Amino acid sequence: MTHGDVRVEDDGYLWVLRGEVDAAVQSRLEDDLKQVARSAERPIVIDLSKVTFMDSGGLRLLYHAVEGSPEPPLLRGVPGRTLDLLELSGVISLFRIEQQGAGSASTAQAAR
C-alpha cells in the first residue's frame, strides 16, 4: 500500500506532496525527482499542505529541489510538524517559506 506520493506538475516546477512522505516514497521517486530538479531553470514550488508525516526520506526529496533549483525552492502550506523537522535538521535556510494566510507572495527566508 502506498502511503505518500509526489505529483509533479507545471513542467516540473510544482511538486505536490501528500500523505506520509517517508523512506518508502523516497526510494520509489528519488531518481525521477532528481532528474526533474536537474532540468529546473526557475525556482521549484513545493506544496506540502497535504503532508501528514515526513521523515528524513522526505527531507532528502526536498533537498533534491534545492540542488536543482537556481534559487531556493518555495515551500507552500508547510504543516507545523514539517516546519519543526526542517528547523531541527538545520535545513530551513535552504528554502523560502510561504507565510500562512498571506494574501500576496509573502515569503520568509532564514539567514544563510
PDB file of N, CA and C in Angstrom:
ATOM      1  N   MET A   1       0.839  -1.185   0.000  1.00  0.00           N
ATOM      2  CA  MET A   1       0.000   0.000   0.000  1.00  0.00           C
ATOM      3  C   MET A   1       0.885   1.249   0.000  1.00  0.00           C
ATOM      4  N   THR A   2       0.552   2.210  -0.821  1.00  0.00           N
ATOM      5  CA  THR A   2       1.300   3.448  -0.915  1.00  0.00           C
ATOM      6  C   THR A   2       0.708   4.475   0.044  1.00  0.00           C
ATOM      7  N   HIS A   3       1.524   4.963   0.958  1.00  0.00           N
ATOM      8  CA  HIS A   3       1.044   5.911   1.963  1.00  0.00           C
ATOM      9  C   HIS A   3       1.240   7.362   1.561  1.00  0.00           C
ATOM     10  N   GLY A   4       2.226   7.644   0.742  1.00  0.00           N
ATOM     11  CA  GLY A   4       2.520   9.012   0.357  1.00  0.00           C
ATOM     12  C   GLY A   4       2.864   9.063  -1.116  1.00  0.00           C
ATOM     13  N   ASP A   5       2.872  10.285  -1.637  1.00  0.00           N
ATOM     14  CA  ASP A   5       3.144  10.423  -3.060  1.00  0.00           C
ATOM     15  C   ASP A   5       3.627  11.842  -3.343  1.00  0.00           C
ATOM     16  N   VAL A   6       4.250  11.993  -4.512  1.00  0.00           N
ATOM     17  CA  VAL A   6       4.642  13.297  -5.016  1.00  0.00           C
ATOM     18  C   VAL A   6       4.129  13.387  -6.442  1.00  0.00           C
ATOM     19  N   ARG A   7       3.309  14.388  -6.691  1.00  0.00           N
ATOM     20  CA  ARG A   7       2.803  14.632  -8.050  1.00  0.00           C
ATOM     21  C   ARG A   7       3.565  15.832  -8.599  1.00  0.00           C
ATOM     22  N   VAL A   8       4.122  15.685  -9.781  1.00  0.00           N
ATOM     23  CA  VAL A   8       4.886  16.763 -10.406  1.00  0.00           C
ATOM     24  C   VAL A   8       4.014  17.408 -11.472  1.00  0.00           C
ATOM     25  N   GLU A   9       3.852  18.741 -11.375  1.00  0.00           N
ATOM     26  CA  GLU A   9       3.016  19.496 -12.303  1.00  0.00           C
ATOM     27  C   GLU A   9       3.801  20.675 -12.865  1.00  0.00           C
ATOM     28  N   ASP A  10       3.174  21.445 -13.729  1.00  0.00           N
ATOM     29  CA  ASP A  10       3.754  22.673 -14.282  1.00  0.00           C
ATOM     30  C   ASP A  10       5.155  22.417 -14.843  1.00  0.00           C
ATOM     31  N   ASP A  11       5.274  21.404 -15.681  1.00  0.00           N
ATOM     32  CA  ASP A  11       6.555  21.053 -16.321  1.00  0.00           C
ATOM     33  C   ASP A  11       7.683  20.853 -15.316  1.00  0.00           C
ATOM     34  N   GLY A  12       7.355  20.371 -14.131  1.00  0.00           N
ATOM     35  CA  GLY A  12       8.365  20.071 -13.127  1.00  0.00           C
ATOM     36  C   GLY A  12       8.589  21.152 -12.099  1.00  0.00           C
ATOM     37  N   TYR A  13       7.909  22.291 -12.227  1.00  0.00           N
ATOM     38  CA  TYR A  13       8.148  23.403 -11.319  1.00  0.00           C
ATOM     39  C   TYR A  13       7.201  23.442 -10.128  1.00  0.00           C
ATOM     40  N   LEU A  14       6.237  22.542 -10.071  1.00  0.00           N
ATOM     41  CA  LEU A  14       5.354  22.418  -8.914  1.00  0.00           C
ATOM     42  C   LEU A  14       5.345  20.965  -8.479  1.00  0.00           C
ATOM     43  N   TRP A  15       5.781  20.736  -7.246  1.00  0.00           N
ATOM     44  CA  TRP A  15       5.747  19.397  -6.658  1.00  0.00           C
ATOM     45  C   TRP A  15       4.670  19.420  -5.577  1.00  0.00           C
ATOM     46  N   VAL A  16       3.709  18.503  -5.664  1.00  0.00           N
ATOM     47  CA  VAL A  16       2.640  18.417  -4.679  1.00  0.00           C
ATOM     48  C   VAL A  16       2.839  17.118  -3.893  1.00  0.00           C
ATOM     49  N   LEU A  17       3.215  17.259  -2.630  1.00  0.00           N
ATOM     50  CA  LEU A  17       3.435  16.107  -1.773  1.00  0.00           C
ATOM     51  C   LEU A  17       2.188  15.867  -0.954  1.00  0.00           C
ATOM     52  N   ARG A  18       1.897  14.578  -0.696  1.00  0.00           N
ATOM     53  CA  ARG A  18       0.724  14.268   0.120  1.00  0.00           C
ATOM     54  C   ARG A  18       0.962  12.995   0.909  1.00  0.00           C
ATOM     55  N   GLY A  19       0.271  12.907   2.031  1.00  0.00           N
ATOM     56  CA  GLY A  19       0.332  11.711   2.864  1.00  0.00           C
ATOM     57  C   GLY A  19       1.622  11.599   3.646  1.00  0.00           C
ATOM     58  N   GLU A  20       2.035  10.354   3.866  1.00  0.00           N
ATOM     59  CA  GLU A  20       3.245  10.059   4.635  1.00  0.00           C
ATOM     60  C   GLU A  20       4.429  10.008   3.673  1.00  0.00           C
ATOM     61  N   VAL A  21       5.238  11.058   3.694  1.00  0.00           N
ATOM     62  CA  VAL A  21       6.386  11.151   2.793  1.00  0.00           C
ATOM     63  C   VAL A  21       7.603  10.666   3.580  1.00  0.00           C
ATOM     64  N   ASP A  22       7.944   9.410   3.336  1.00  0.00           N
ATOM     65  CA  ASP A  22       8.973   8.751   4.128  1.00  0.00           C
ATOM     66  C   ASP A  22       9.985   8.043   3.225  1.00  0.00           C
ATOM     67  N   ALA A  23      10.786   7.172   3.812  1.00  0.00           N
ATOM     68  CA  ALA A  23      11.833   6.467   3.066  1.00  0.00           C
ATOM     69  C   ALA A  23      11.261   5.612   1.935  1.00  0.00           C
ATOM     70  N   ALA A  24      10.069   5.074   2.109  1.00  0.00           N
ATOM     71  CA  ALA A  24       9.458   4.274   1.042  1.00  0.00           C
ATOM     72  C   ALA A  24       9.142   5.143  -0.180  1.00  0.00           C
ATOM     73  N   VAL A  25       8.625   6.334   0.061  1.00  0.00           N
ATOM     74  CA  VAL A  25       8.336   7.274  -1.027  1.00  0.00           C
ATOM     75  C   VAL A  25       9.649   7.718  -1.662  1.00  0.00           C
ATOM     76  N   GLN A  26      10.638   7.979  -0.831  1.00  0.00           N
ATOM     77  CA  GLN A  26      11.952   8.378  -1.332  1.00  0.00           C
ATOM     78  C   GLN A  26      12.514   7.321  -2.281  1.00  0.00           C
ATOM     79  N   SER A  27      12.514   6.080  -1.854  1.00  0.00           N
ATOM     80  CA  SER A  27      13.102   5.034  -2.690  1.00  0.00           C
ATOM     81  C   SER A  27      12.336   4.849  -3.999  1.00  0.00           C
ATOM     82  N   ARG A  28      11.054   5.109  -3.987  1.00  0.00           N
ATOM     83  CA  ARG A  28      10.230   4.938  -5.179  1.00  0.00           C
ATOM     84  C   ARG A  28      10.379   6.102  -6.163  1.00  0.00           C
ATOM     85  N   LEU A  29      10.573   7.330  -5.661  1.00  0.00           N
ATOM     86  CA  LEU A  29      10.506   8.509  -6.526  1.00  0.00           C
ATOM     87  C   LEU A  29      11.796   9.319  -6.644  1.00  0.00           C
ATOM     88  N   GLU A  30      12.806   8.986  -5.863  1.00  0.00           N
ATOM     89  CA  GLU A  30      14.009   9.815  -5.794  1.00  0.00           C
ATOM     90  C   GLU A  30      14.673  10.040  -7.150  1.00  0.00           C
ATOM     91  N   ASP A  31      14.888   9.003  -7.927  1.00  0.00           N
ATOM     92  CA  ASP A  31      15.564   9.161  -9.215  1.00  0.00           C
ATOM     93  C   ASP A  31      14.790  10.070 -10.161  1.00  0.00           C
ATOM     94  N   ASP A  32      13.477   9.909 -10.207  1.00  0.00           N
ATOM     95  CA  ASP A  32      12.654  10.759 -11.075  1.00  0.00           C
ATOM     96  C   ASP A  32      12.705  12.220 -10.636  1.00  0.00           C
ATOM     97  N   LEU A  33      12.620  12.465  -9.328  1.00  0.00           N
ATOM     98  CA  LEU A  33      12.631  13.840  -8.835  1.00  0.00           C
ATOM     99  C   LEU A  33      13.999  14.497  -9.027  1.00  0.00           C
ATOM    100  N   LYS A  34      15.073  13.726  -8.871  1.00  0.00           N
ATOM    101  CA  LYS A  34      16.406  14.283  -9.127  1.00  0.00           C
ATOM    102  C   LYS A  34      16.523  14.724 -10.577  1.00  0.00           C
ATOM    103  N   GLN A  35      16.009  13.925 -11.478  1.00  0.00           N
ATOM    104  CA  GLN A  35      16.071  14.266 -12.897  1.00  0.00           C
ATOM    105  C   GLN A  35      15.252  15.528 -13.197  1.00  0.00           C
ATOM    106  N   VAL A  36      14.065  15.622 -12.632  1.00  0.00           N
ATOM    107  CA  VAL A  36      13.225  16.806 -12.819  1.00  0.00           C
ATOM    108  C   VAL A  36      13.933  18.043 -12.261  1.00  0.00           C
ATOM    109  N   ALA A  37      14.526  17.915 -11.072  1.00  0.00           N
ATOM    110  CA  ALA A  37      15.188  19.052 -10.432  1.00  0.00           C
ATOM    111  C   ALA A  37      16.393  19.521 -11.232  1.00  0.00           C
ATOM    112  N   ARG A  38      17.139  18.601 -11.802  1.00  0.00           N
ATOM    113  CA  ARG A  38      18.331  18.971 -12.576  1.00  0.00           C
ATOM    114  C   ARG A  38      17.999  19.836 -13.784  1.00  0.00           C
ATOM    115  N   SER A  39      16.807  19.703 -14.324  1.00  0.00           N
ATOM    116  CA  SER A  39      16.446  20.468 -15.518  1.00  0.00           C
ATOM    117  C   SER A  39      15.744  21.788 -15.186  1.00  0.00           C
ATOM    118  N   ALA A  40      15.649  22.126 -13.902  1.00  0.00           N
ATOM    119  CA  ALA A  40      14.947  23.348 -13.494  1.00  0.00           C
ATOM    120  C   ALA A  40      15.703  24.599 -13.929  1.00  0.00           C
ATOM    121  N   GLU A  41      14.971  25.500 -14.524  1.00  0.00           N
ATOM    122  CA  GLU A  41      15.547  26.780 -14.937  1.00  0.00           C
ATOM    123  C   GLU A  41      14.944  27.943 -14.155  1.00  0.00           C
ATOM    124  N   ARG A  42      13.982  27.634 -13.306  1.00  0.00           N
ATOM    125  CA  ARG A  42      13.397  28.633 -12.414  1.00  0.00           C
ATOM    126  C   ARG A  42      13.099  27.927 -11.091  1.00  0.00           C
ATOM    127  N   PRO A  43      12.800  28.688 -10.037  1.00  0.00           N
ATOM    128  CA  PRO A  43      12.592  28.065  -8.729  1.00  0.00           C
ATOM    129  C   PRO A  43      11.434  27.051  -8.734  1.00  0.00           C
ATOM    130  N   ILE A  44      11.629  26.002  -7.990  1.00  0.00           N
ATOM    131  CA  ILE A  44      10.613  24.963  -7.815  1.00  0.00           C
ATOM    132  C   ILE A  44       9.730  25.363  -6.630  1.00  0.00           C
ATOM    133  N   VAL A  45       8.419  25.171  -6.788  1.00  0.00           N
ATOM    134  CA  VAL A  45       7.453  25.403  -5.716  1.00  0.00           C
ATOM    135  C   VAL A  45       7.015  24.032  -5.217  1.00  0.00           C
ATOM    136  N   ILE A  46       7.031  23.847  -3.898  1.00  0.00           N
ATOM    137  CA  ILE A  46       6.668  22.564  -3.308  1.00  0.00           C
ATOM    138  C   ILE A  46       5.493  22.778  -2.363  1.00  0.00           C
ATOM    139  N   ASP A  47       4.363  22.154  -2.694  1.00  0.00           N
ATOM    140  CA  ASP A  47       3.153  22.254  -1.886  1.00  0.00           C
ATOM    141  C   ASP A  47       3.153  21.103  -0.882  1.00  0.00           C
ATOM    142  N   LEU A  48       3.209  21.460   0.382  1.00  0.00           N
ATOM    143  CA  LEU A  48       3.245  20.468   1.464  1.00  0.00           C
ATOM    144  C   LEU A  48       1.940  20.423   2.255  1.00  0.00           C
ATOM    145  N   SER A  49       0.914  21.101   1.784  1.00  0.00           N
ATOM    146  CA  SER A  49      -0.318  21.255   2.555  1.00  0.00           C
ATOM    147  C   SER A  49      -1.043  19.942   2.828  1.00  0.00           C
ATOM    148  N   LYS A  50      -0.769  18.907   2.063  1.00  0.00           N
ATOM    149  CA  LYS A  50      -1.441  17.619   2.260  1.00  0.00           C
ATOM    150  C   LYS A  50      -0.519  16.563   2.888  1.00  0.00           C
ATOM    151  N   VAL A  51       0.623  17.006   3.412  1.00  0.00           N
ATOM    152  CA  VAL A  51       1.562  16.085   4.059  1.00  0.00           C
ATOM    153  C   VAL A  51       1.099  15.828   5.489  1.00  0.00           C
ATOM    154  N   THR A  52       0.972  14.545   5.844  1.00  0.00           N
ATOM    155  CA  THR A  52       0.571  14.176   7.201  1.00  0.00           C
ATOM    156  C   THR A  52       1.750  13.735   8.052  1.00  0.00           C
ATOM    157  N   PHE A  53       2.857  13.356   7.387  1.00  0.00           N
ATOM    158  CA  PHE A  53       4.056  12.897   8.090  1.00  0.00           C
ATOM    159  C   PHE A  53       5.229  13.027   7.133  1.00  0.00           C
ATOM    160  N   MET A  54       6.394  13.406   7.669  1.00  0.00           N
ATOM    161  CA  MET A  54       7.609  13.440   6.868  1.00  0.00           C
ATOM    162  C   MET A  54       8.779  13.039   7.743  1.00  0.00           C
ATOM    163  N   ASP A  55       9.663  12.202   7.178  1.00  0.00           N
ATOM    164  CA  ASP A  55      10.874  11.828   7.892  1.00  0.00           C
ATOM    165  C   ASP A  55      12.078  12.227   7.043  1.00  0.00           C
ATOM    166  N   SER A  56      13.239  11.695   7.366  1.00  0.00           N
ATOM    167  CA  SER A  56      14.457  12.076   6.649  1.00  0.00           C
ATOM    168  C   SER A  56      14.397  11.710   5.166  1.00  0.00           C
ATOM    169  N   GLY A  57      13.632  10.688   4.804  1.00  0.00           N
ATOM    170  CA  GLY A  57      13.461  10.349   3.388  1.00  0.00           C
ATOM    171  C   GLY A  57      12.753  11.463   2.644  1.00  0.00           C
ATOM    172  N   GLY A  58      11.743  12.046   3.263  1.00  0.00           N
ATOM    173  CA  GLY A  58      11.049  13.180   2.664  1.00  0.00           C
ATOM    174  C   GLY A  58      11.941  14.402   2.582  1.00  0.00           C
ATOM    175  N   LEU A  59      12.744  14.629   3.628  1.00  0.00           N
ATOM    176  CA  LEU A  59      13.680  15.749   3.598  1.00  0.00           C
ATOM    177  C   LEU A  59      14.675  15.600   2.445  1.00  0.00           C
ATOM    178  N   ARG A  60      15.095  14.391   2.208  1.00  0.00           N
ATOM    179  CA  ARG A  60      16.042  14.145   1.110  1.00  0.00           C
ATOM    180  C   ARG A  60      15.411  14.531  -0.232  1.00  0.00           C
ATOM    181  N   LEU A  61      14.139  14.229  -0.413  1.00  0.00           N
ATOM    182  CA  LEU A  61      13.458  14.617  -1.648  1.00  0.00           C
ATOM    183  C   LEU A  61      13.410  16.136  -1.781  1.00  0.00           C
ATOM    184  N   LEU A  62      13.143  16.836  -0.685  1.00  0.00           N
ATOM    185  CA  LEU A  62      13.127  18.288  -0.711  1.00  0.00           C
ATOM    186  C   LEU A  62      14.511  18.831  -1.064  1.00  0.00           C
ATOM    187  N   TYR A  63      15.541  18.176  -0.549  1.00  0.00           N
ATOM    188  CA  TYR A  63      16.909  18.620  -0.810  1.00  0.00           C
ATOM    189  C   TYR A  63      17.251  18.537  -2.296  1.00  0.00           C
ATOM    190  N   HIS A  64      16.691  17.581  -3.002  1.00  0.00           N
ATOM    191  CA  HIS A  64      16.950  17.485  -4.447  1.00  0.00           C
ATOM    192  C   HIS A  64      16.413  18.719  -5.172  1.00  0.00           C
ATOM    193  N   ALA A  65      15.327  19.274  -4.684  1.00  0.00           N
ATOM    194  CA  ALA A  65      14.809  20.509  -5.277  1.00  0.00           C
ATOM    195  C   ALA A  65      15.792  21.653  -5.049  1.00  0.00           C
ATOM    196  N   VAL A  66      16.447  21.673  -3.894  1.00  0.00           N
ATOM    197  CA  VAL A  66      17.451  22.693  -3.594  1.00  0.00           C
ATOM    198  C   VAL A  66      18.622  22.572  -4.560  1.00  0.00           C
ATOM    199  N   GLU A  67      19.076  21.346  -4.783  1.00  0.00           N
ATOM    200  CA  GLU A  67      20.222  21.113  -5.662  1.00  0.00           C
ATOM    201  C   GLU A  67      19.957  21.554  -7.097  1.00  0.00           C
ATOM    202  N   GLY A  68      18.721  21.389  -7.560  1.00  0.00           N
ATOM    203  CA  GLY A  68      18.422  21.673  -8.951  1.00  0.00           C
ATOM    204  C   GLY A  68      17.895  23.060  -9.225  1.00  0.00           C
ATOM    205  N   SER A  69      17.258  23.673  -8.258  1.00  0.00           N
ATOM    206  CA  SER A  69      16.612  24.964  -8.458  1.00  0.00           C
ATOM    207  C   SER A  69      17.640  26.092  -8.464  1.00  0.00           C
ATOM    208  N   PRO A  70      17.541  27.031  -9.409  1.00  0.00           N
ATOM    209  CA  PRO A  70      18.506  28.124  -9.462  1.00  0.00           C
ATOM    210  C   PRO A  70      18.382  29.101  -8.286  1.00  0.00           C
ATOM    211  N   GLU A  71      17.257  29.092  -7.619  1.00  0.00           N
ATOM    212  CA  GLU A  71      17.018  29.891  -6.414  1.00  0.00           C
ATOM    213  C   GLU A  71      16.425  28.953  -5.374  1.00  0.00           C
ATOM    214  N   PRO A  72      16.408  29.365  -4.105  1.00  0.00           N
ATOM    215  CA  PRO A  72      15.816  28.488  -3.095  1.00  0.00           C
ATOM    216  C   PRO A  72      14.368  28.138  -3.448  1.00  0.00           C
ATOM    217  N   PRO A  73      14.010  26.858  -3.353  1.00  0.00           N
ATOM    218  CA  PRO A  73      12.619  26.464  -3.611  1.00  0.00           C
ATOM    219  C   PRO A  73      11.672  27.124  -2.616  1.00  0.00           C
ATOM    220  N   LEU A  74      10.442  27.339  -3.064  1.00  0.00           N
ATOM    221  CA  LEU A  74       9.399  27.906  -2.216  1.00  0.00           C
ATOM    222  C   LEU A  74       8.559  26.775  -1.651  1.00  0.00           C
ATOM    223  N   LEU A  75       8.459  26.698  -0.332  1.00  0.00           N
ATOM    224  CA  LEU A  75       7.611  25.710   0.326  1.00  0.00           C
ATOM    225  C   LEU A  75       6.293  26.382   0.664  1.00  0.00           C
ATOM    226  N   ARG A  76       5.211  25.760   0.238  1.00  0.00           N
ATOM    227  CA  ARG A  76       3.858  26.300   0.419  1.00  0.00           C
ATOM    228  C   ARG A  76       3.061  25.351   1.306  1.00  0.00           C
ATOM    229  N   GLY A  77       2.275  25.913   2.228  1.00  0.00           N
ATOM    230  CA  GLY A  77       1.389  25.097   3.065  1.00  0.00           C
ATOM    231  C   GLY A  77       2.134  24.142   3.975  1.00  0.00           C
ATOM    232  N   VAL A  78       3.194  24.616   4.608  1.00  0.00           N
ATOM    233  CA  VAL A  78       4.042  23.745   5.429  1.00  0.00           C
ATOM    234  C   VAL A  78       3.358  23.442   6.764  1.00  0.00           C
ATOM    235  N   PRO A  79       3.047  22.157   7.019  1.00  0.00           N
ATOM    236  CA  PRO A  79       2.462  21.792   8.315  1.00  0.00           C
ATOM    237  C   PRO A  79       3.462  22.069   9.447  1.00  0.00           C
ATOM    238  N   GLY A  80       2.950  22.352  10.626  1.00  0.00           N
ATOM    239  CA  GLY A  80       3.797  22.659  11.775  1.00  0.00           C
ATOM    240  C   GLY A  80       4.862  21.615  12.057  1.00  0.00           C
ATOM    241  N   ARG A  81       4.497  20.345  12.003  1.00  0.00           N
ATOM    242  CA  ARG A  81       5.469  19.287  12.293  1.00  0.00           C
ATOM    243  C   ARG A  81       6.578  19.245  11.246  1.00  0.00           C
ATOM    244  N   THR A  82       6.214  19.507   9.998  1.00  0.00           N
ATOM    245  CA  THR A  82       7.219  19.513   8.936  1.00  0.00           C
ATOM    246  C   THR A  82       8.133  20.723   9.093  1.00  0.00           C
ATOM    247  N   LEU A  83       7.572  21.857   9.482  1.00  0.00           N
ATOM    248  CA  LEU A  83       8.379  23.045   9.742  1.00  0.00           C
ATOM    249  C   LEU A  83       9.361  22.767  10.878  1.00  0.00           C
ATOM    250  N   ASP A  84       8.895  22.112  11.921  1.00  0.00           N
ATOM    251  CA  ASP A  84       9.765  21.733  13.039  1.00  0.00           C
ATOM    252  C   ASP A  84      10.902  20.834  12.551  1.00  0.00           C
ATOM    253  N   LEU A  85      10.589  19.870  11.696  1.00  0.00           N
ATOM    254  CA  LEU A  85      11.598  18.952  11.159  1.00  0.00           C
ATOM    255  C   LEU A  85      12.654  19.719  10.362  1.00  0.00           C
ATOM    256  N   LEU A  86      12.221  20.678   9.542  1.00  0.00           N
ATOM    257  CA  LEU A  86      13.155  21.492   8.764  1.00  0.00           C
ATOM    258  C   LEU A  86      14.073  22.301   9.677  1.00  0.00           C
ATOM    259  N   GLU A  87      13.492  22.852  10.741  1.00  0.00           N
ATOM    260  CA  GLU A  87      14.286  23.645  11.686  1.00  0.00           C
ATOM    261  C   GLU A  87      15.262  22.770  12.467  1.00  0.00           C
ATOM    262  N   LEU A  88      14.775  21.658  12.994  1.00  0.00           N
ATOM    263  CA  LEU A  88      15.618  20.779  13.806  1.00  0.00           C
ATOM    264  C   LEU A  88      16.754  20.156  13.002  1.00  0.00           C
ATOM    265  N   SER A  89      16.512  19.906  11.723  1.00  0.00           N
ATOM    266  CA  SER A  89      17.555  19.289  10.892  1.00  0.00           C
ATOM    267  C   SER A  89      18.514  20.330  10.319  1.00  0.00           C
ATOM    268  N   GLY A  90      18.229  21.603  10.548  1.00  0.00           N
ATOM    269  CA  GLY A  90      19.143  22.662  10.137  1.00  0.00           C
ATOM    270  C   GLY A  90      19.114  23.005   8.657  1.00  0.00           C
ATOM    271  N   VAL A  91      18.048  22.628   7.947  1.00  0.00           N
ATOM    272  CA  VAL A  91      17.991  22.891   6.503  1.00  0.00           C
ATOM    273  C   VAL A  91      16.981  23.970   6.119  1.00  0.00           C
ATOM    274  N   ILE A  92      16.317  24.565   7.078  1.00  0.00           N
ATOM    275  CA  ILE A  92      15.267  25.526   6.759  1.00  0.00           C
ATOM    276  C   ILE A  92      15.795  26.721   5.960  1.00  0.00           C
ATOM    277  N   SER A  93      17.041  27.077   6.158  1.00  0.00           N
ATOM    278  CA  SER A  93      17.611  28.230   5.449  1.00  0.00           C
ATOM    279  C   SER A  93      17.794  27.968   3.957  1.00  0.00           C
ATOM    280  N   LEU A  94      17.651  26.730   3.531  1.00  0.00           N
ATOM    281  CA  LEU A  94      17.791  26.387   2.117  1.00  0.00           C
ATOM    282  C   LEU A  94      16.525  26.671   1.322  1.00  0.00           C
ATOM    283  N   PHE A  95      15.442  27.035   2.022  1.00  0.00           N
ATOM    284  CA  PHE A  95      14.135  27.207   1.393  1.00  0.00           C
ATOM    285  C   PHE A  95      13.565  28.588   1.678  1.00  0.00           C
ATOM    286  N   ARG A  96      12.638  29.000   0.818  1.00  0.00           N
ATOM    287  CA  ARG A  96      11.770  30.129   1.124  1.00  0.00           C
ATOM    288  C   ARG A  96      10.471  29.502   1.625  1.00  0.00           C
ATOM    289  N   ILE A  97       9.884  30.088   2.639  1.00  0.00           N
ATOM    290  CA  ILE A  97       8.658  29.551   3.235  1.00  0.00           C
ATOM    291  C   ILE A  97       7.540  30.545   2.991  1.00  0.00           C
ATOM    292  N   GLU A  98       6.480  30.114   2.325  1.00  0.00           N
ATOM    293  CA  GLU A  98       5.326  30.984   2.115  1.00  0.00           C
ATOM    294  C   GLU A  98       4.579  31.095   3.428  1.00  0.00           C
ATOM    295  N   GLN A  99       4.323  32.316   3.840  1.00  0.00           N
ATOM    296  CA  GLN A  99       3.642  32.550   5.102  1.00  0.00           C
ATOM    297  C   GLN A  99       2.179  32.140   4.999  1.00  0.00           C
ATOM    298  N   GLN A 100       1.675  31.445   5.995  1.00  0.00           N
ATOM    299  CA  GLN A 100       0.277  31.026   6.046  1.00  0.00           C
ATOM    300  C   GLN A 100      -0.617  32.254   6.096  1.00  0.00           C
ATOM    301  N   GLY A 101      -1.675  32.244   5.310  1.00  0.00           N
ATOM    302  CA  GLY A 101      -2.646  33.316   5.342  1.00  0.00           C
ATOM    303  C   GLY A 101      -2.208  34.595   4.660  1.00  0.00           C
ATOM    304  N   ALA A 102      -1.075  34.577   3.992  1.00  0.00           N
ATOM    305  CA  ALA A 102      -0.602  35.788   3.312  1.00  0.00           C
ATOM    306  C   ALA A 102      -1.395  35.984   2.028  1.00  0.00           C
ATOM    307  N   GLY A 103      -1.861  37.183   1.795  1.00  0.00           N
ATOM    308  CA  GLY A 103      -2.623  37.481   0.592  1.00  0.00           C
ATOM    309  C   GLY A 103      -1.747  37.664  -0.624  1.00  0.00           C
ATOM    310  N   SER A 104      -0.461  37.893  -0.391  1.00  0.00           N
ATOM    311  CA  SER A 104       0.458  38.072  -1.508  1.00  0.00           C
ATOM    312  C   SER A 104       1.477  36.949  -1.496  1.00  0.00           C
ATOM    313  N   ALA A 105       2.480  37.085  -2.295  1.00  0.00           N
ATOM    314  CA  ALA A 105       3.533  36.074  -2.362  1.00  0.00           C
ATOM    315  C   ALA A 105       4.568  36.336  -1.272  1.00  0.00           C
ATOM    316  N   SER A 106       4.098  36.714  -0.106  1.00  0.00           N
ATOM    317  CA  SER A 106       4.980  36.991   1.011  1.00  0.00           C
ATOM    318  C   SER A 106       5.737  35.732   1.419  1.00  0.00           C
ATOM    319  N   THR A 107       7.042  35.869   1.553  1.00  0.00           N
ATOM    320  CA  THR A 107       7.845  34.723   1.937  1.00  0.00           C
ATOM    321  C   THR A 107       8.814  35.116   3.033  1.00  0.00           C
ATOM    322  N   ALA A 108       9.264  34.131   3.729  1.00  0.00           N
ATOM    323  CA  ALA A 108      10.303  34.351   4.730  1.00  0.00           C
ATOM    324  C   ALA A 108      11.443  33.399   4.422  1.00  0.00           C
ATOM    325  N   GLN A 109      12.645  33.892   4.556  1.00  0.00           N
ATOM    326  CA  GLN A 109      13.793  33.022   4.342  1.00  0.00           C
ATOM    327  C   GLN A 109      14.750  33.234   5.505  1.00  0.00           C
ATOM    328  N   ALA A 110      15.174  32.153   6.089  1.00  0.00           N
ATOM    329  CA  ALA A 110      16.125  32.247   7.184  1.00  0.00           C
ATOM    330  C   ALA A 110      17.476  32.718   6.622  1.00  0.00           C
ATOM    331  N   ALA A 111      18.259  33.360   7.458  1.00  0.00           N
ATOM    332  CA  ALA A 111      19.570  33.849   7.007  1.00  0.00           C
ATOM    333  C   ALA A 111      20.448  32.670   6.635  1.00  0.00           C
ATOM    334  N   ARG A 112      21.196  32.829   5.574  1.00  0.00           N
ATOM    335  CA  ARG A 112      22.094  31.752   5.120  1.00  0.00           C
ATOM    336  C   ARG A 112      23.386  31.813   5.867  1.00  0.00           C
TER     337      ARG A 112
END
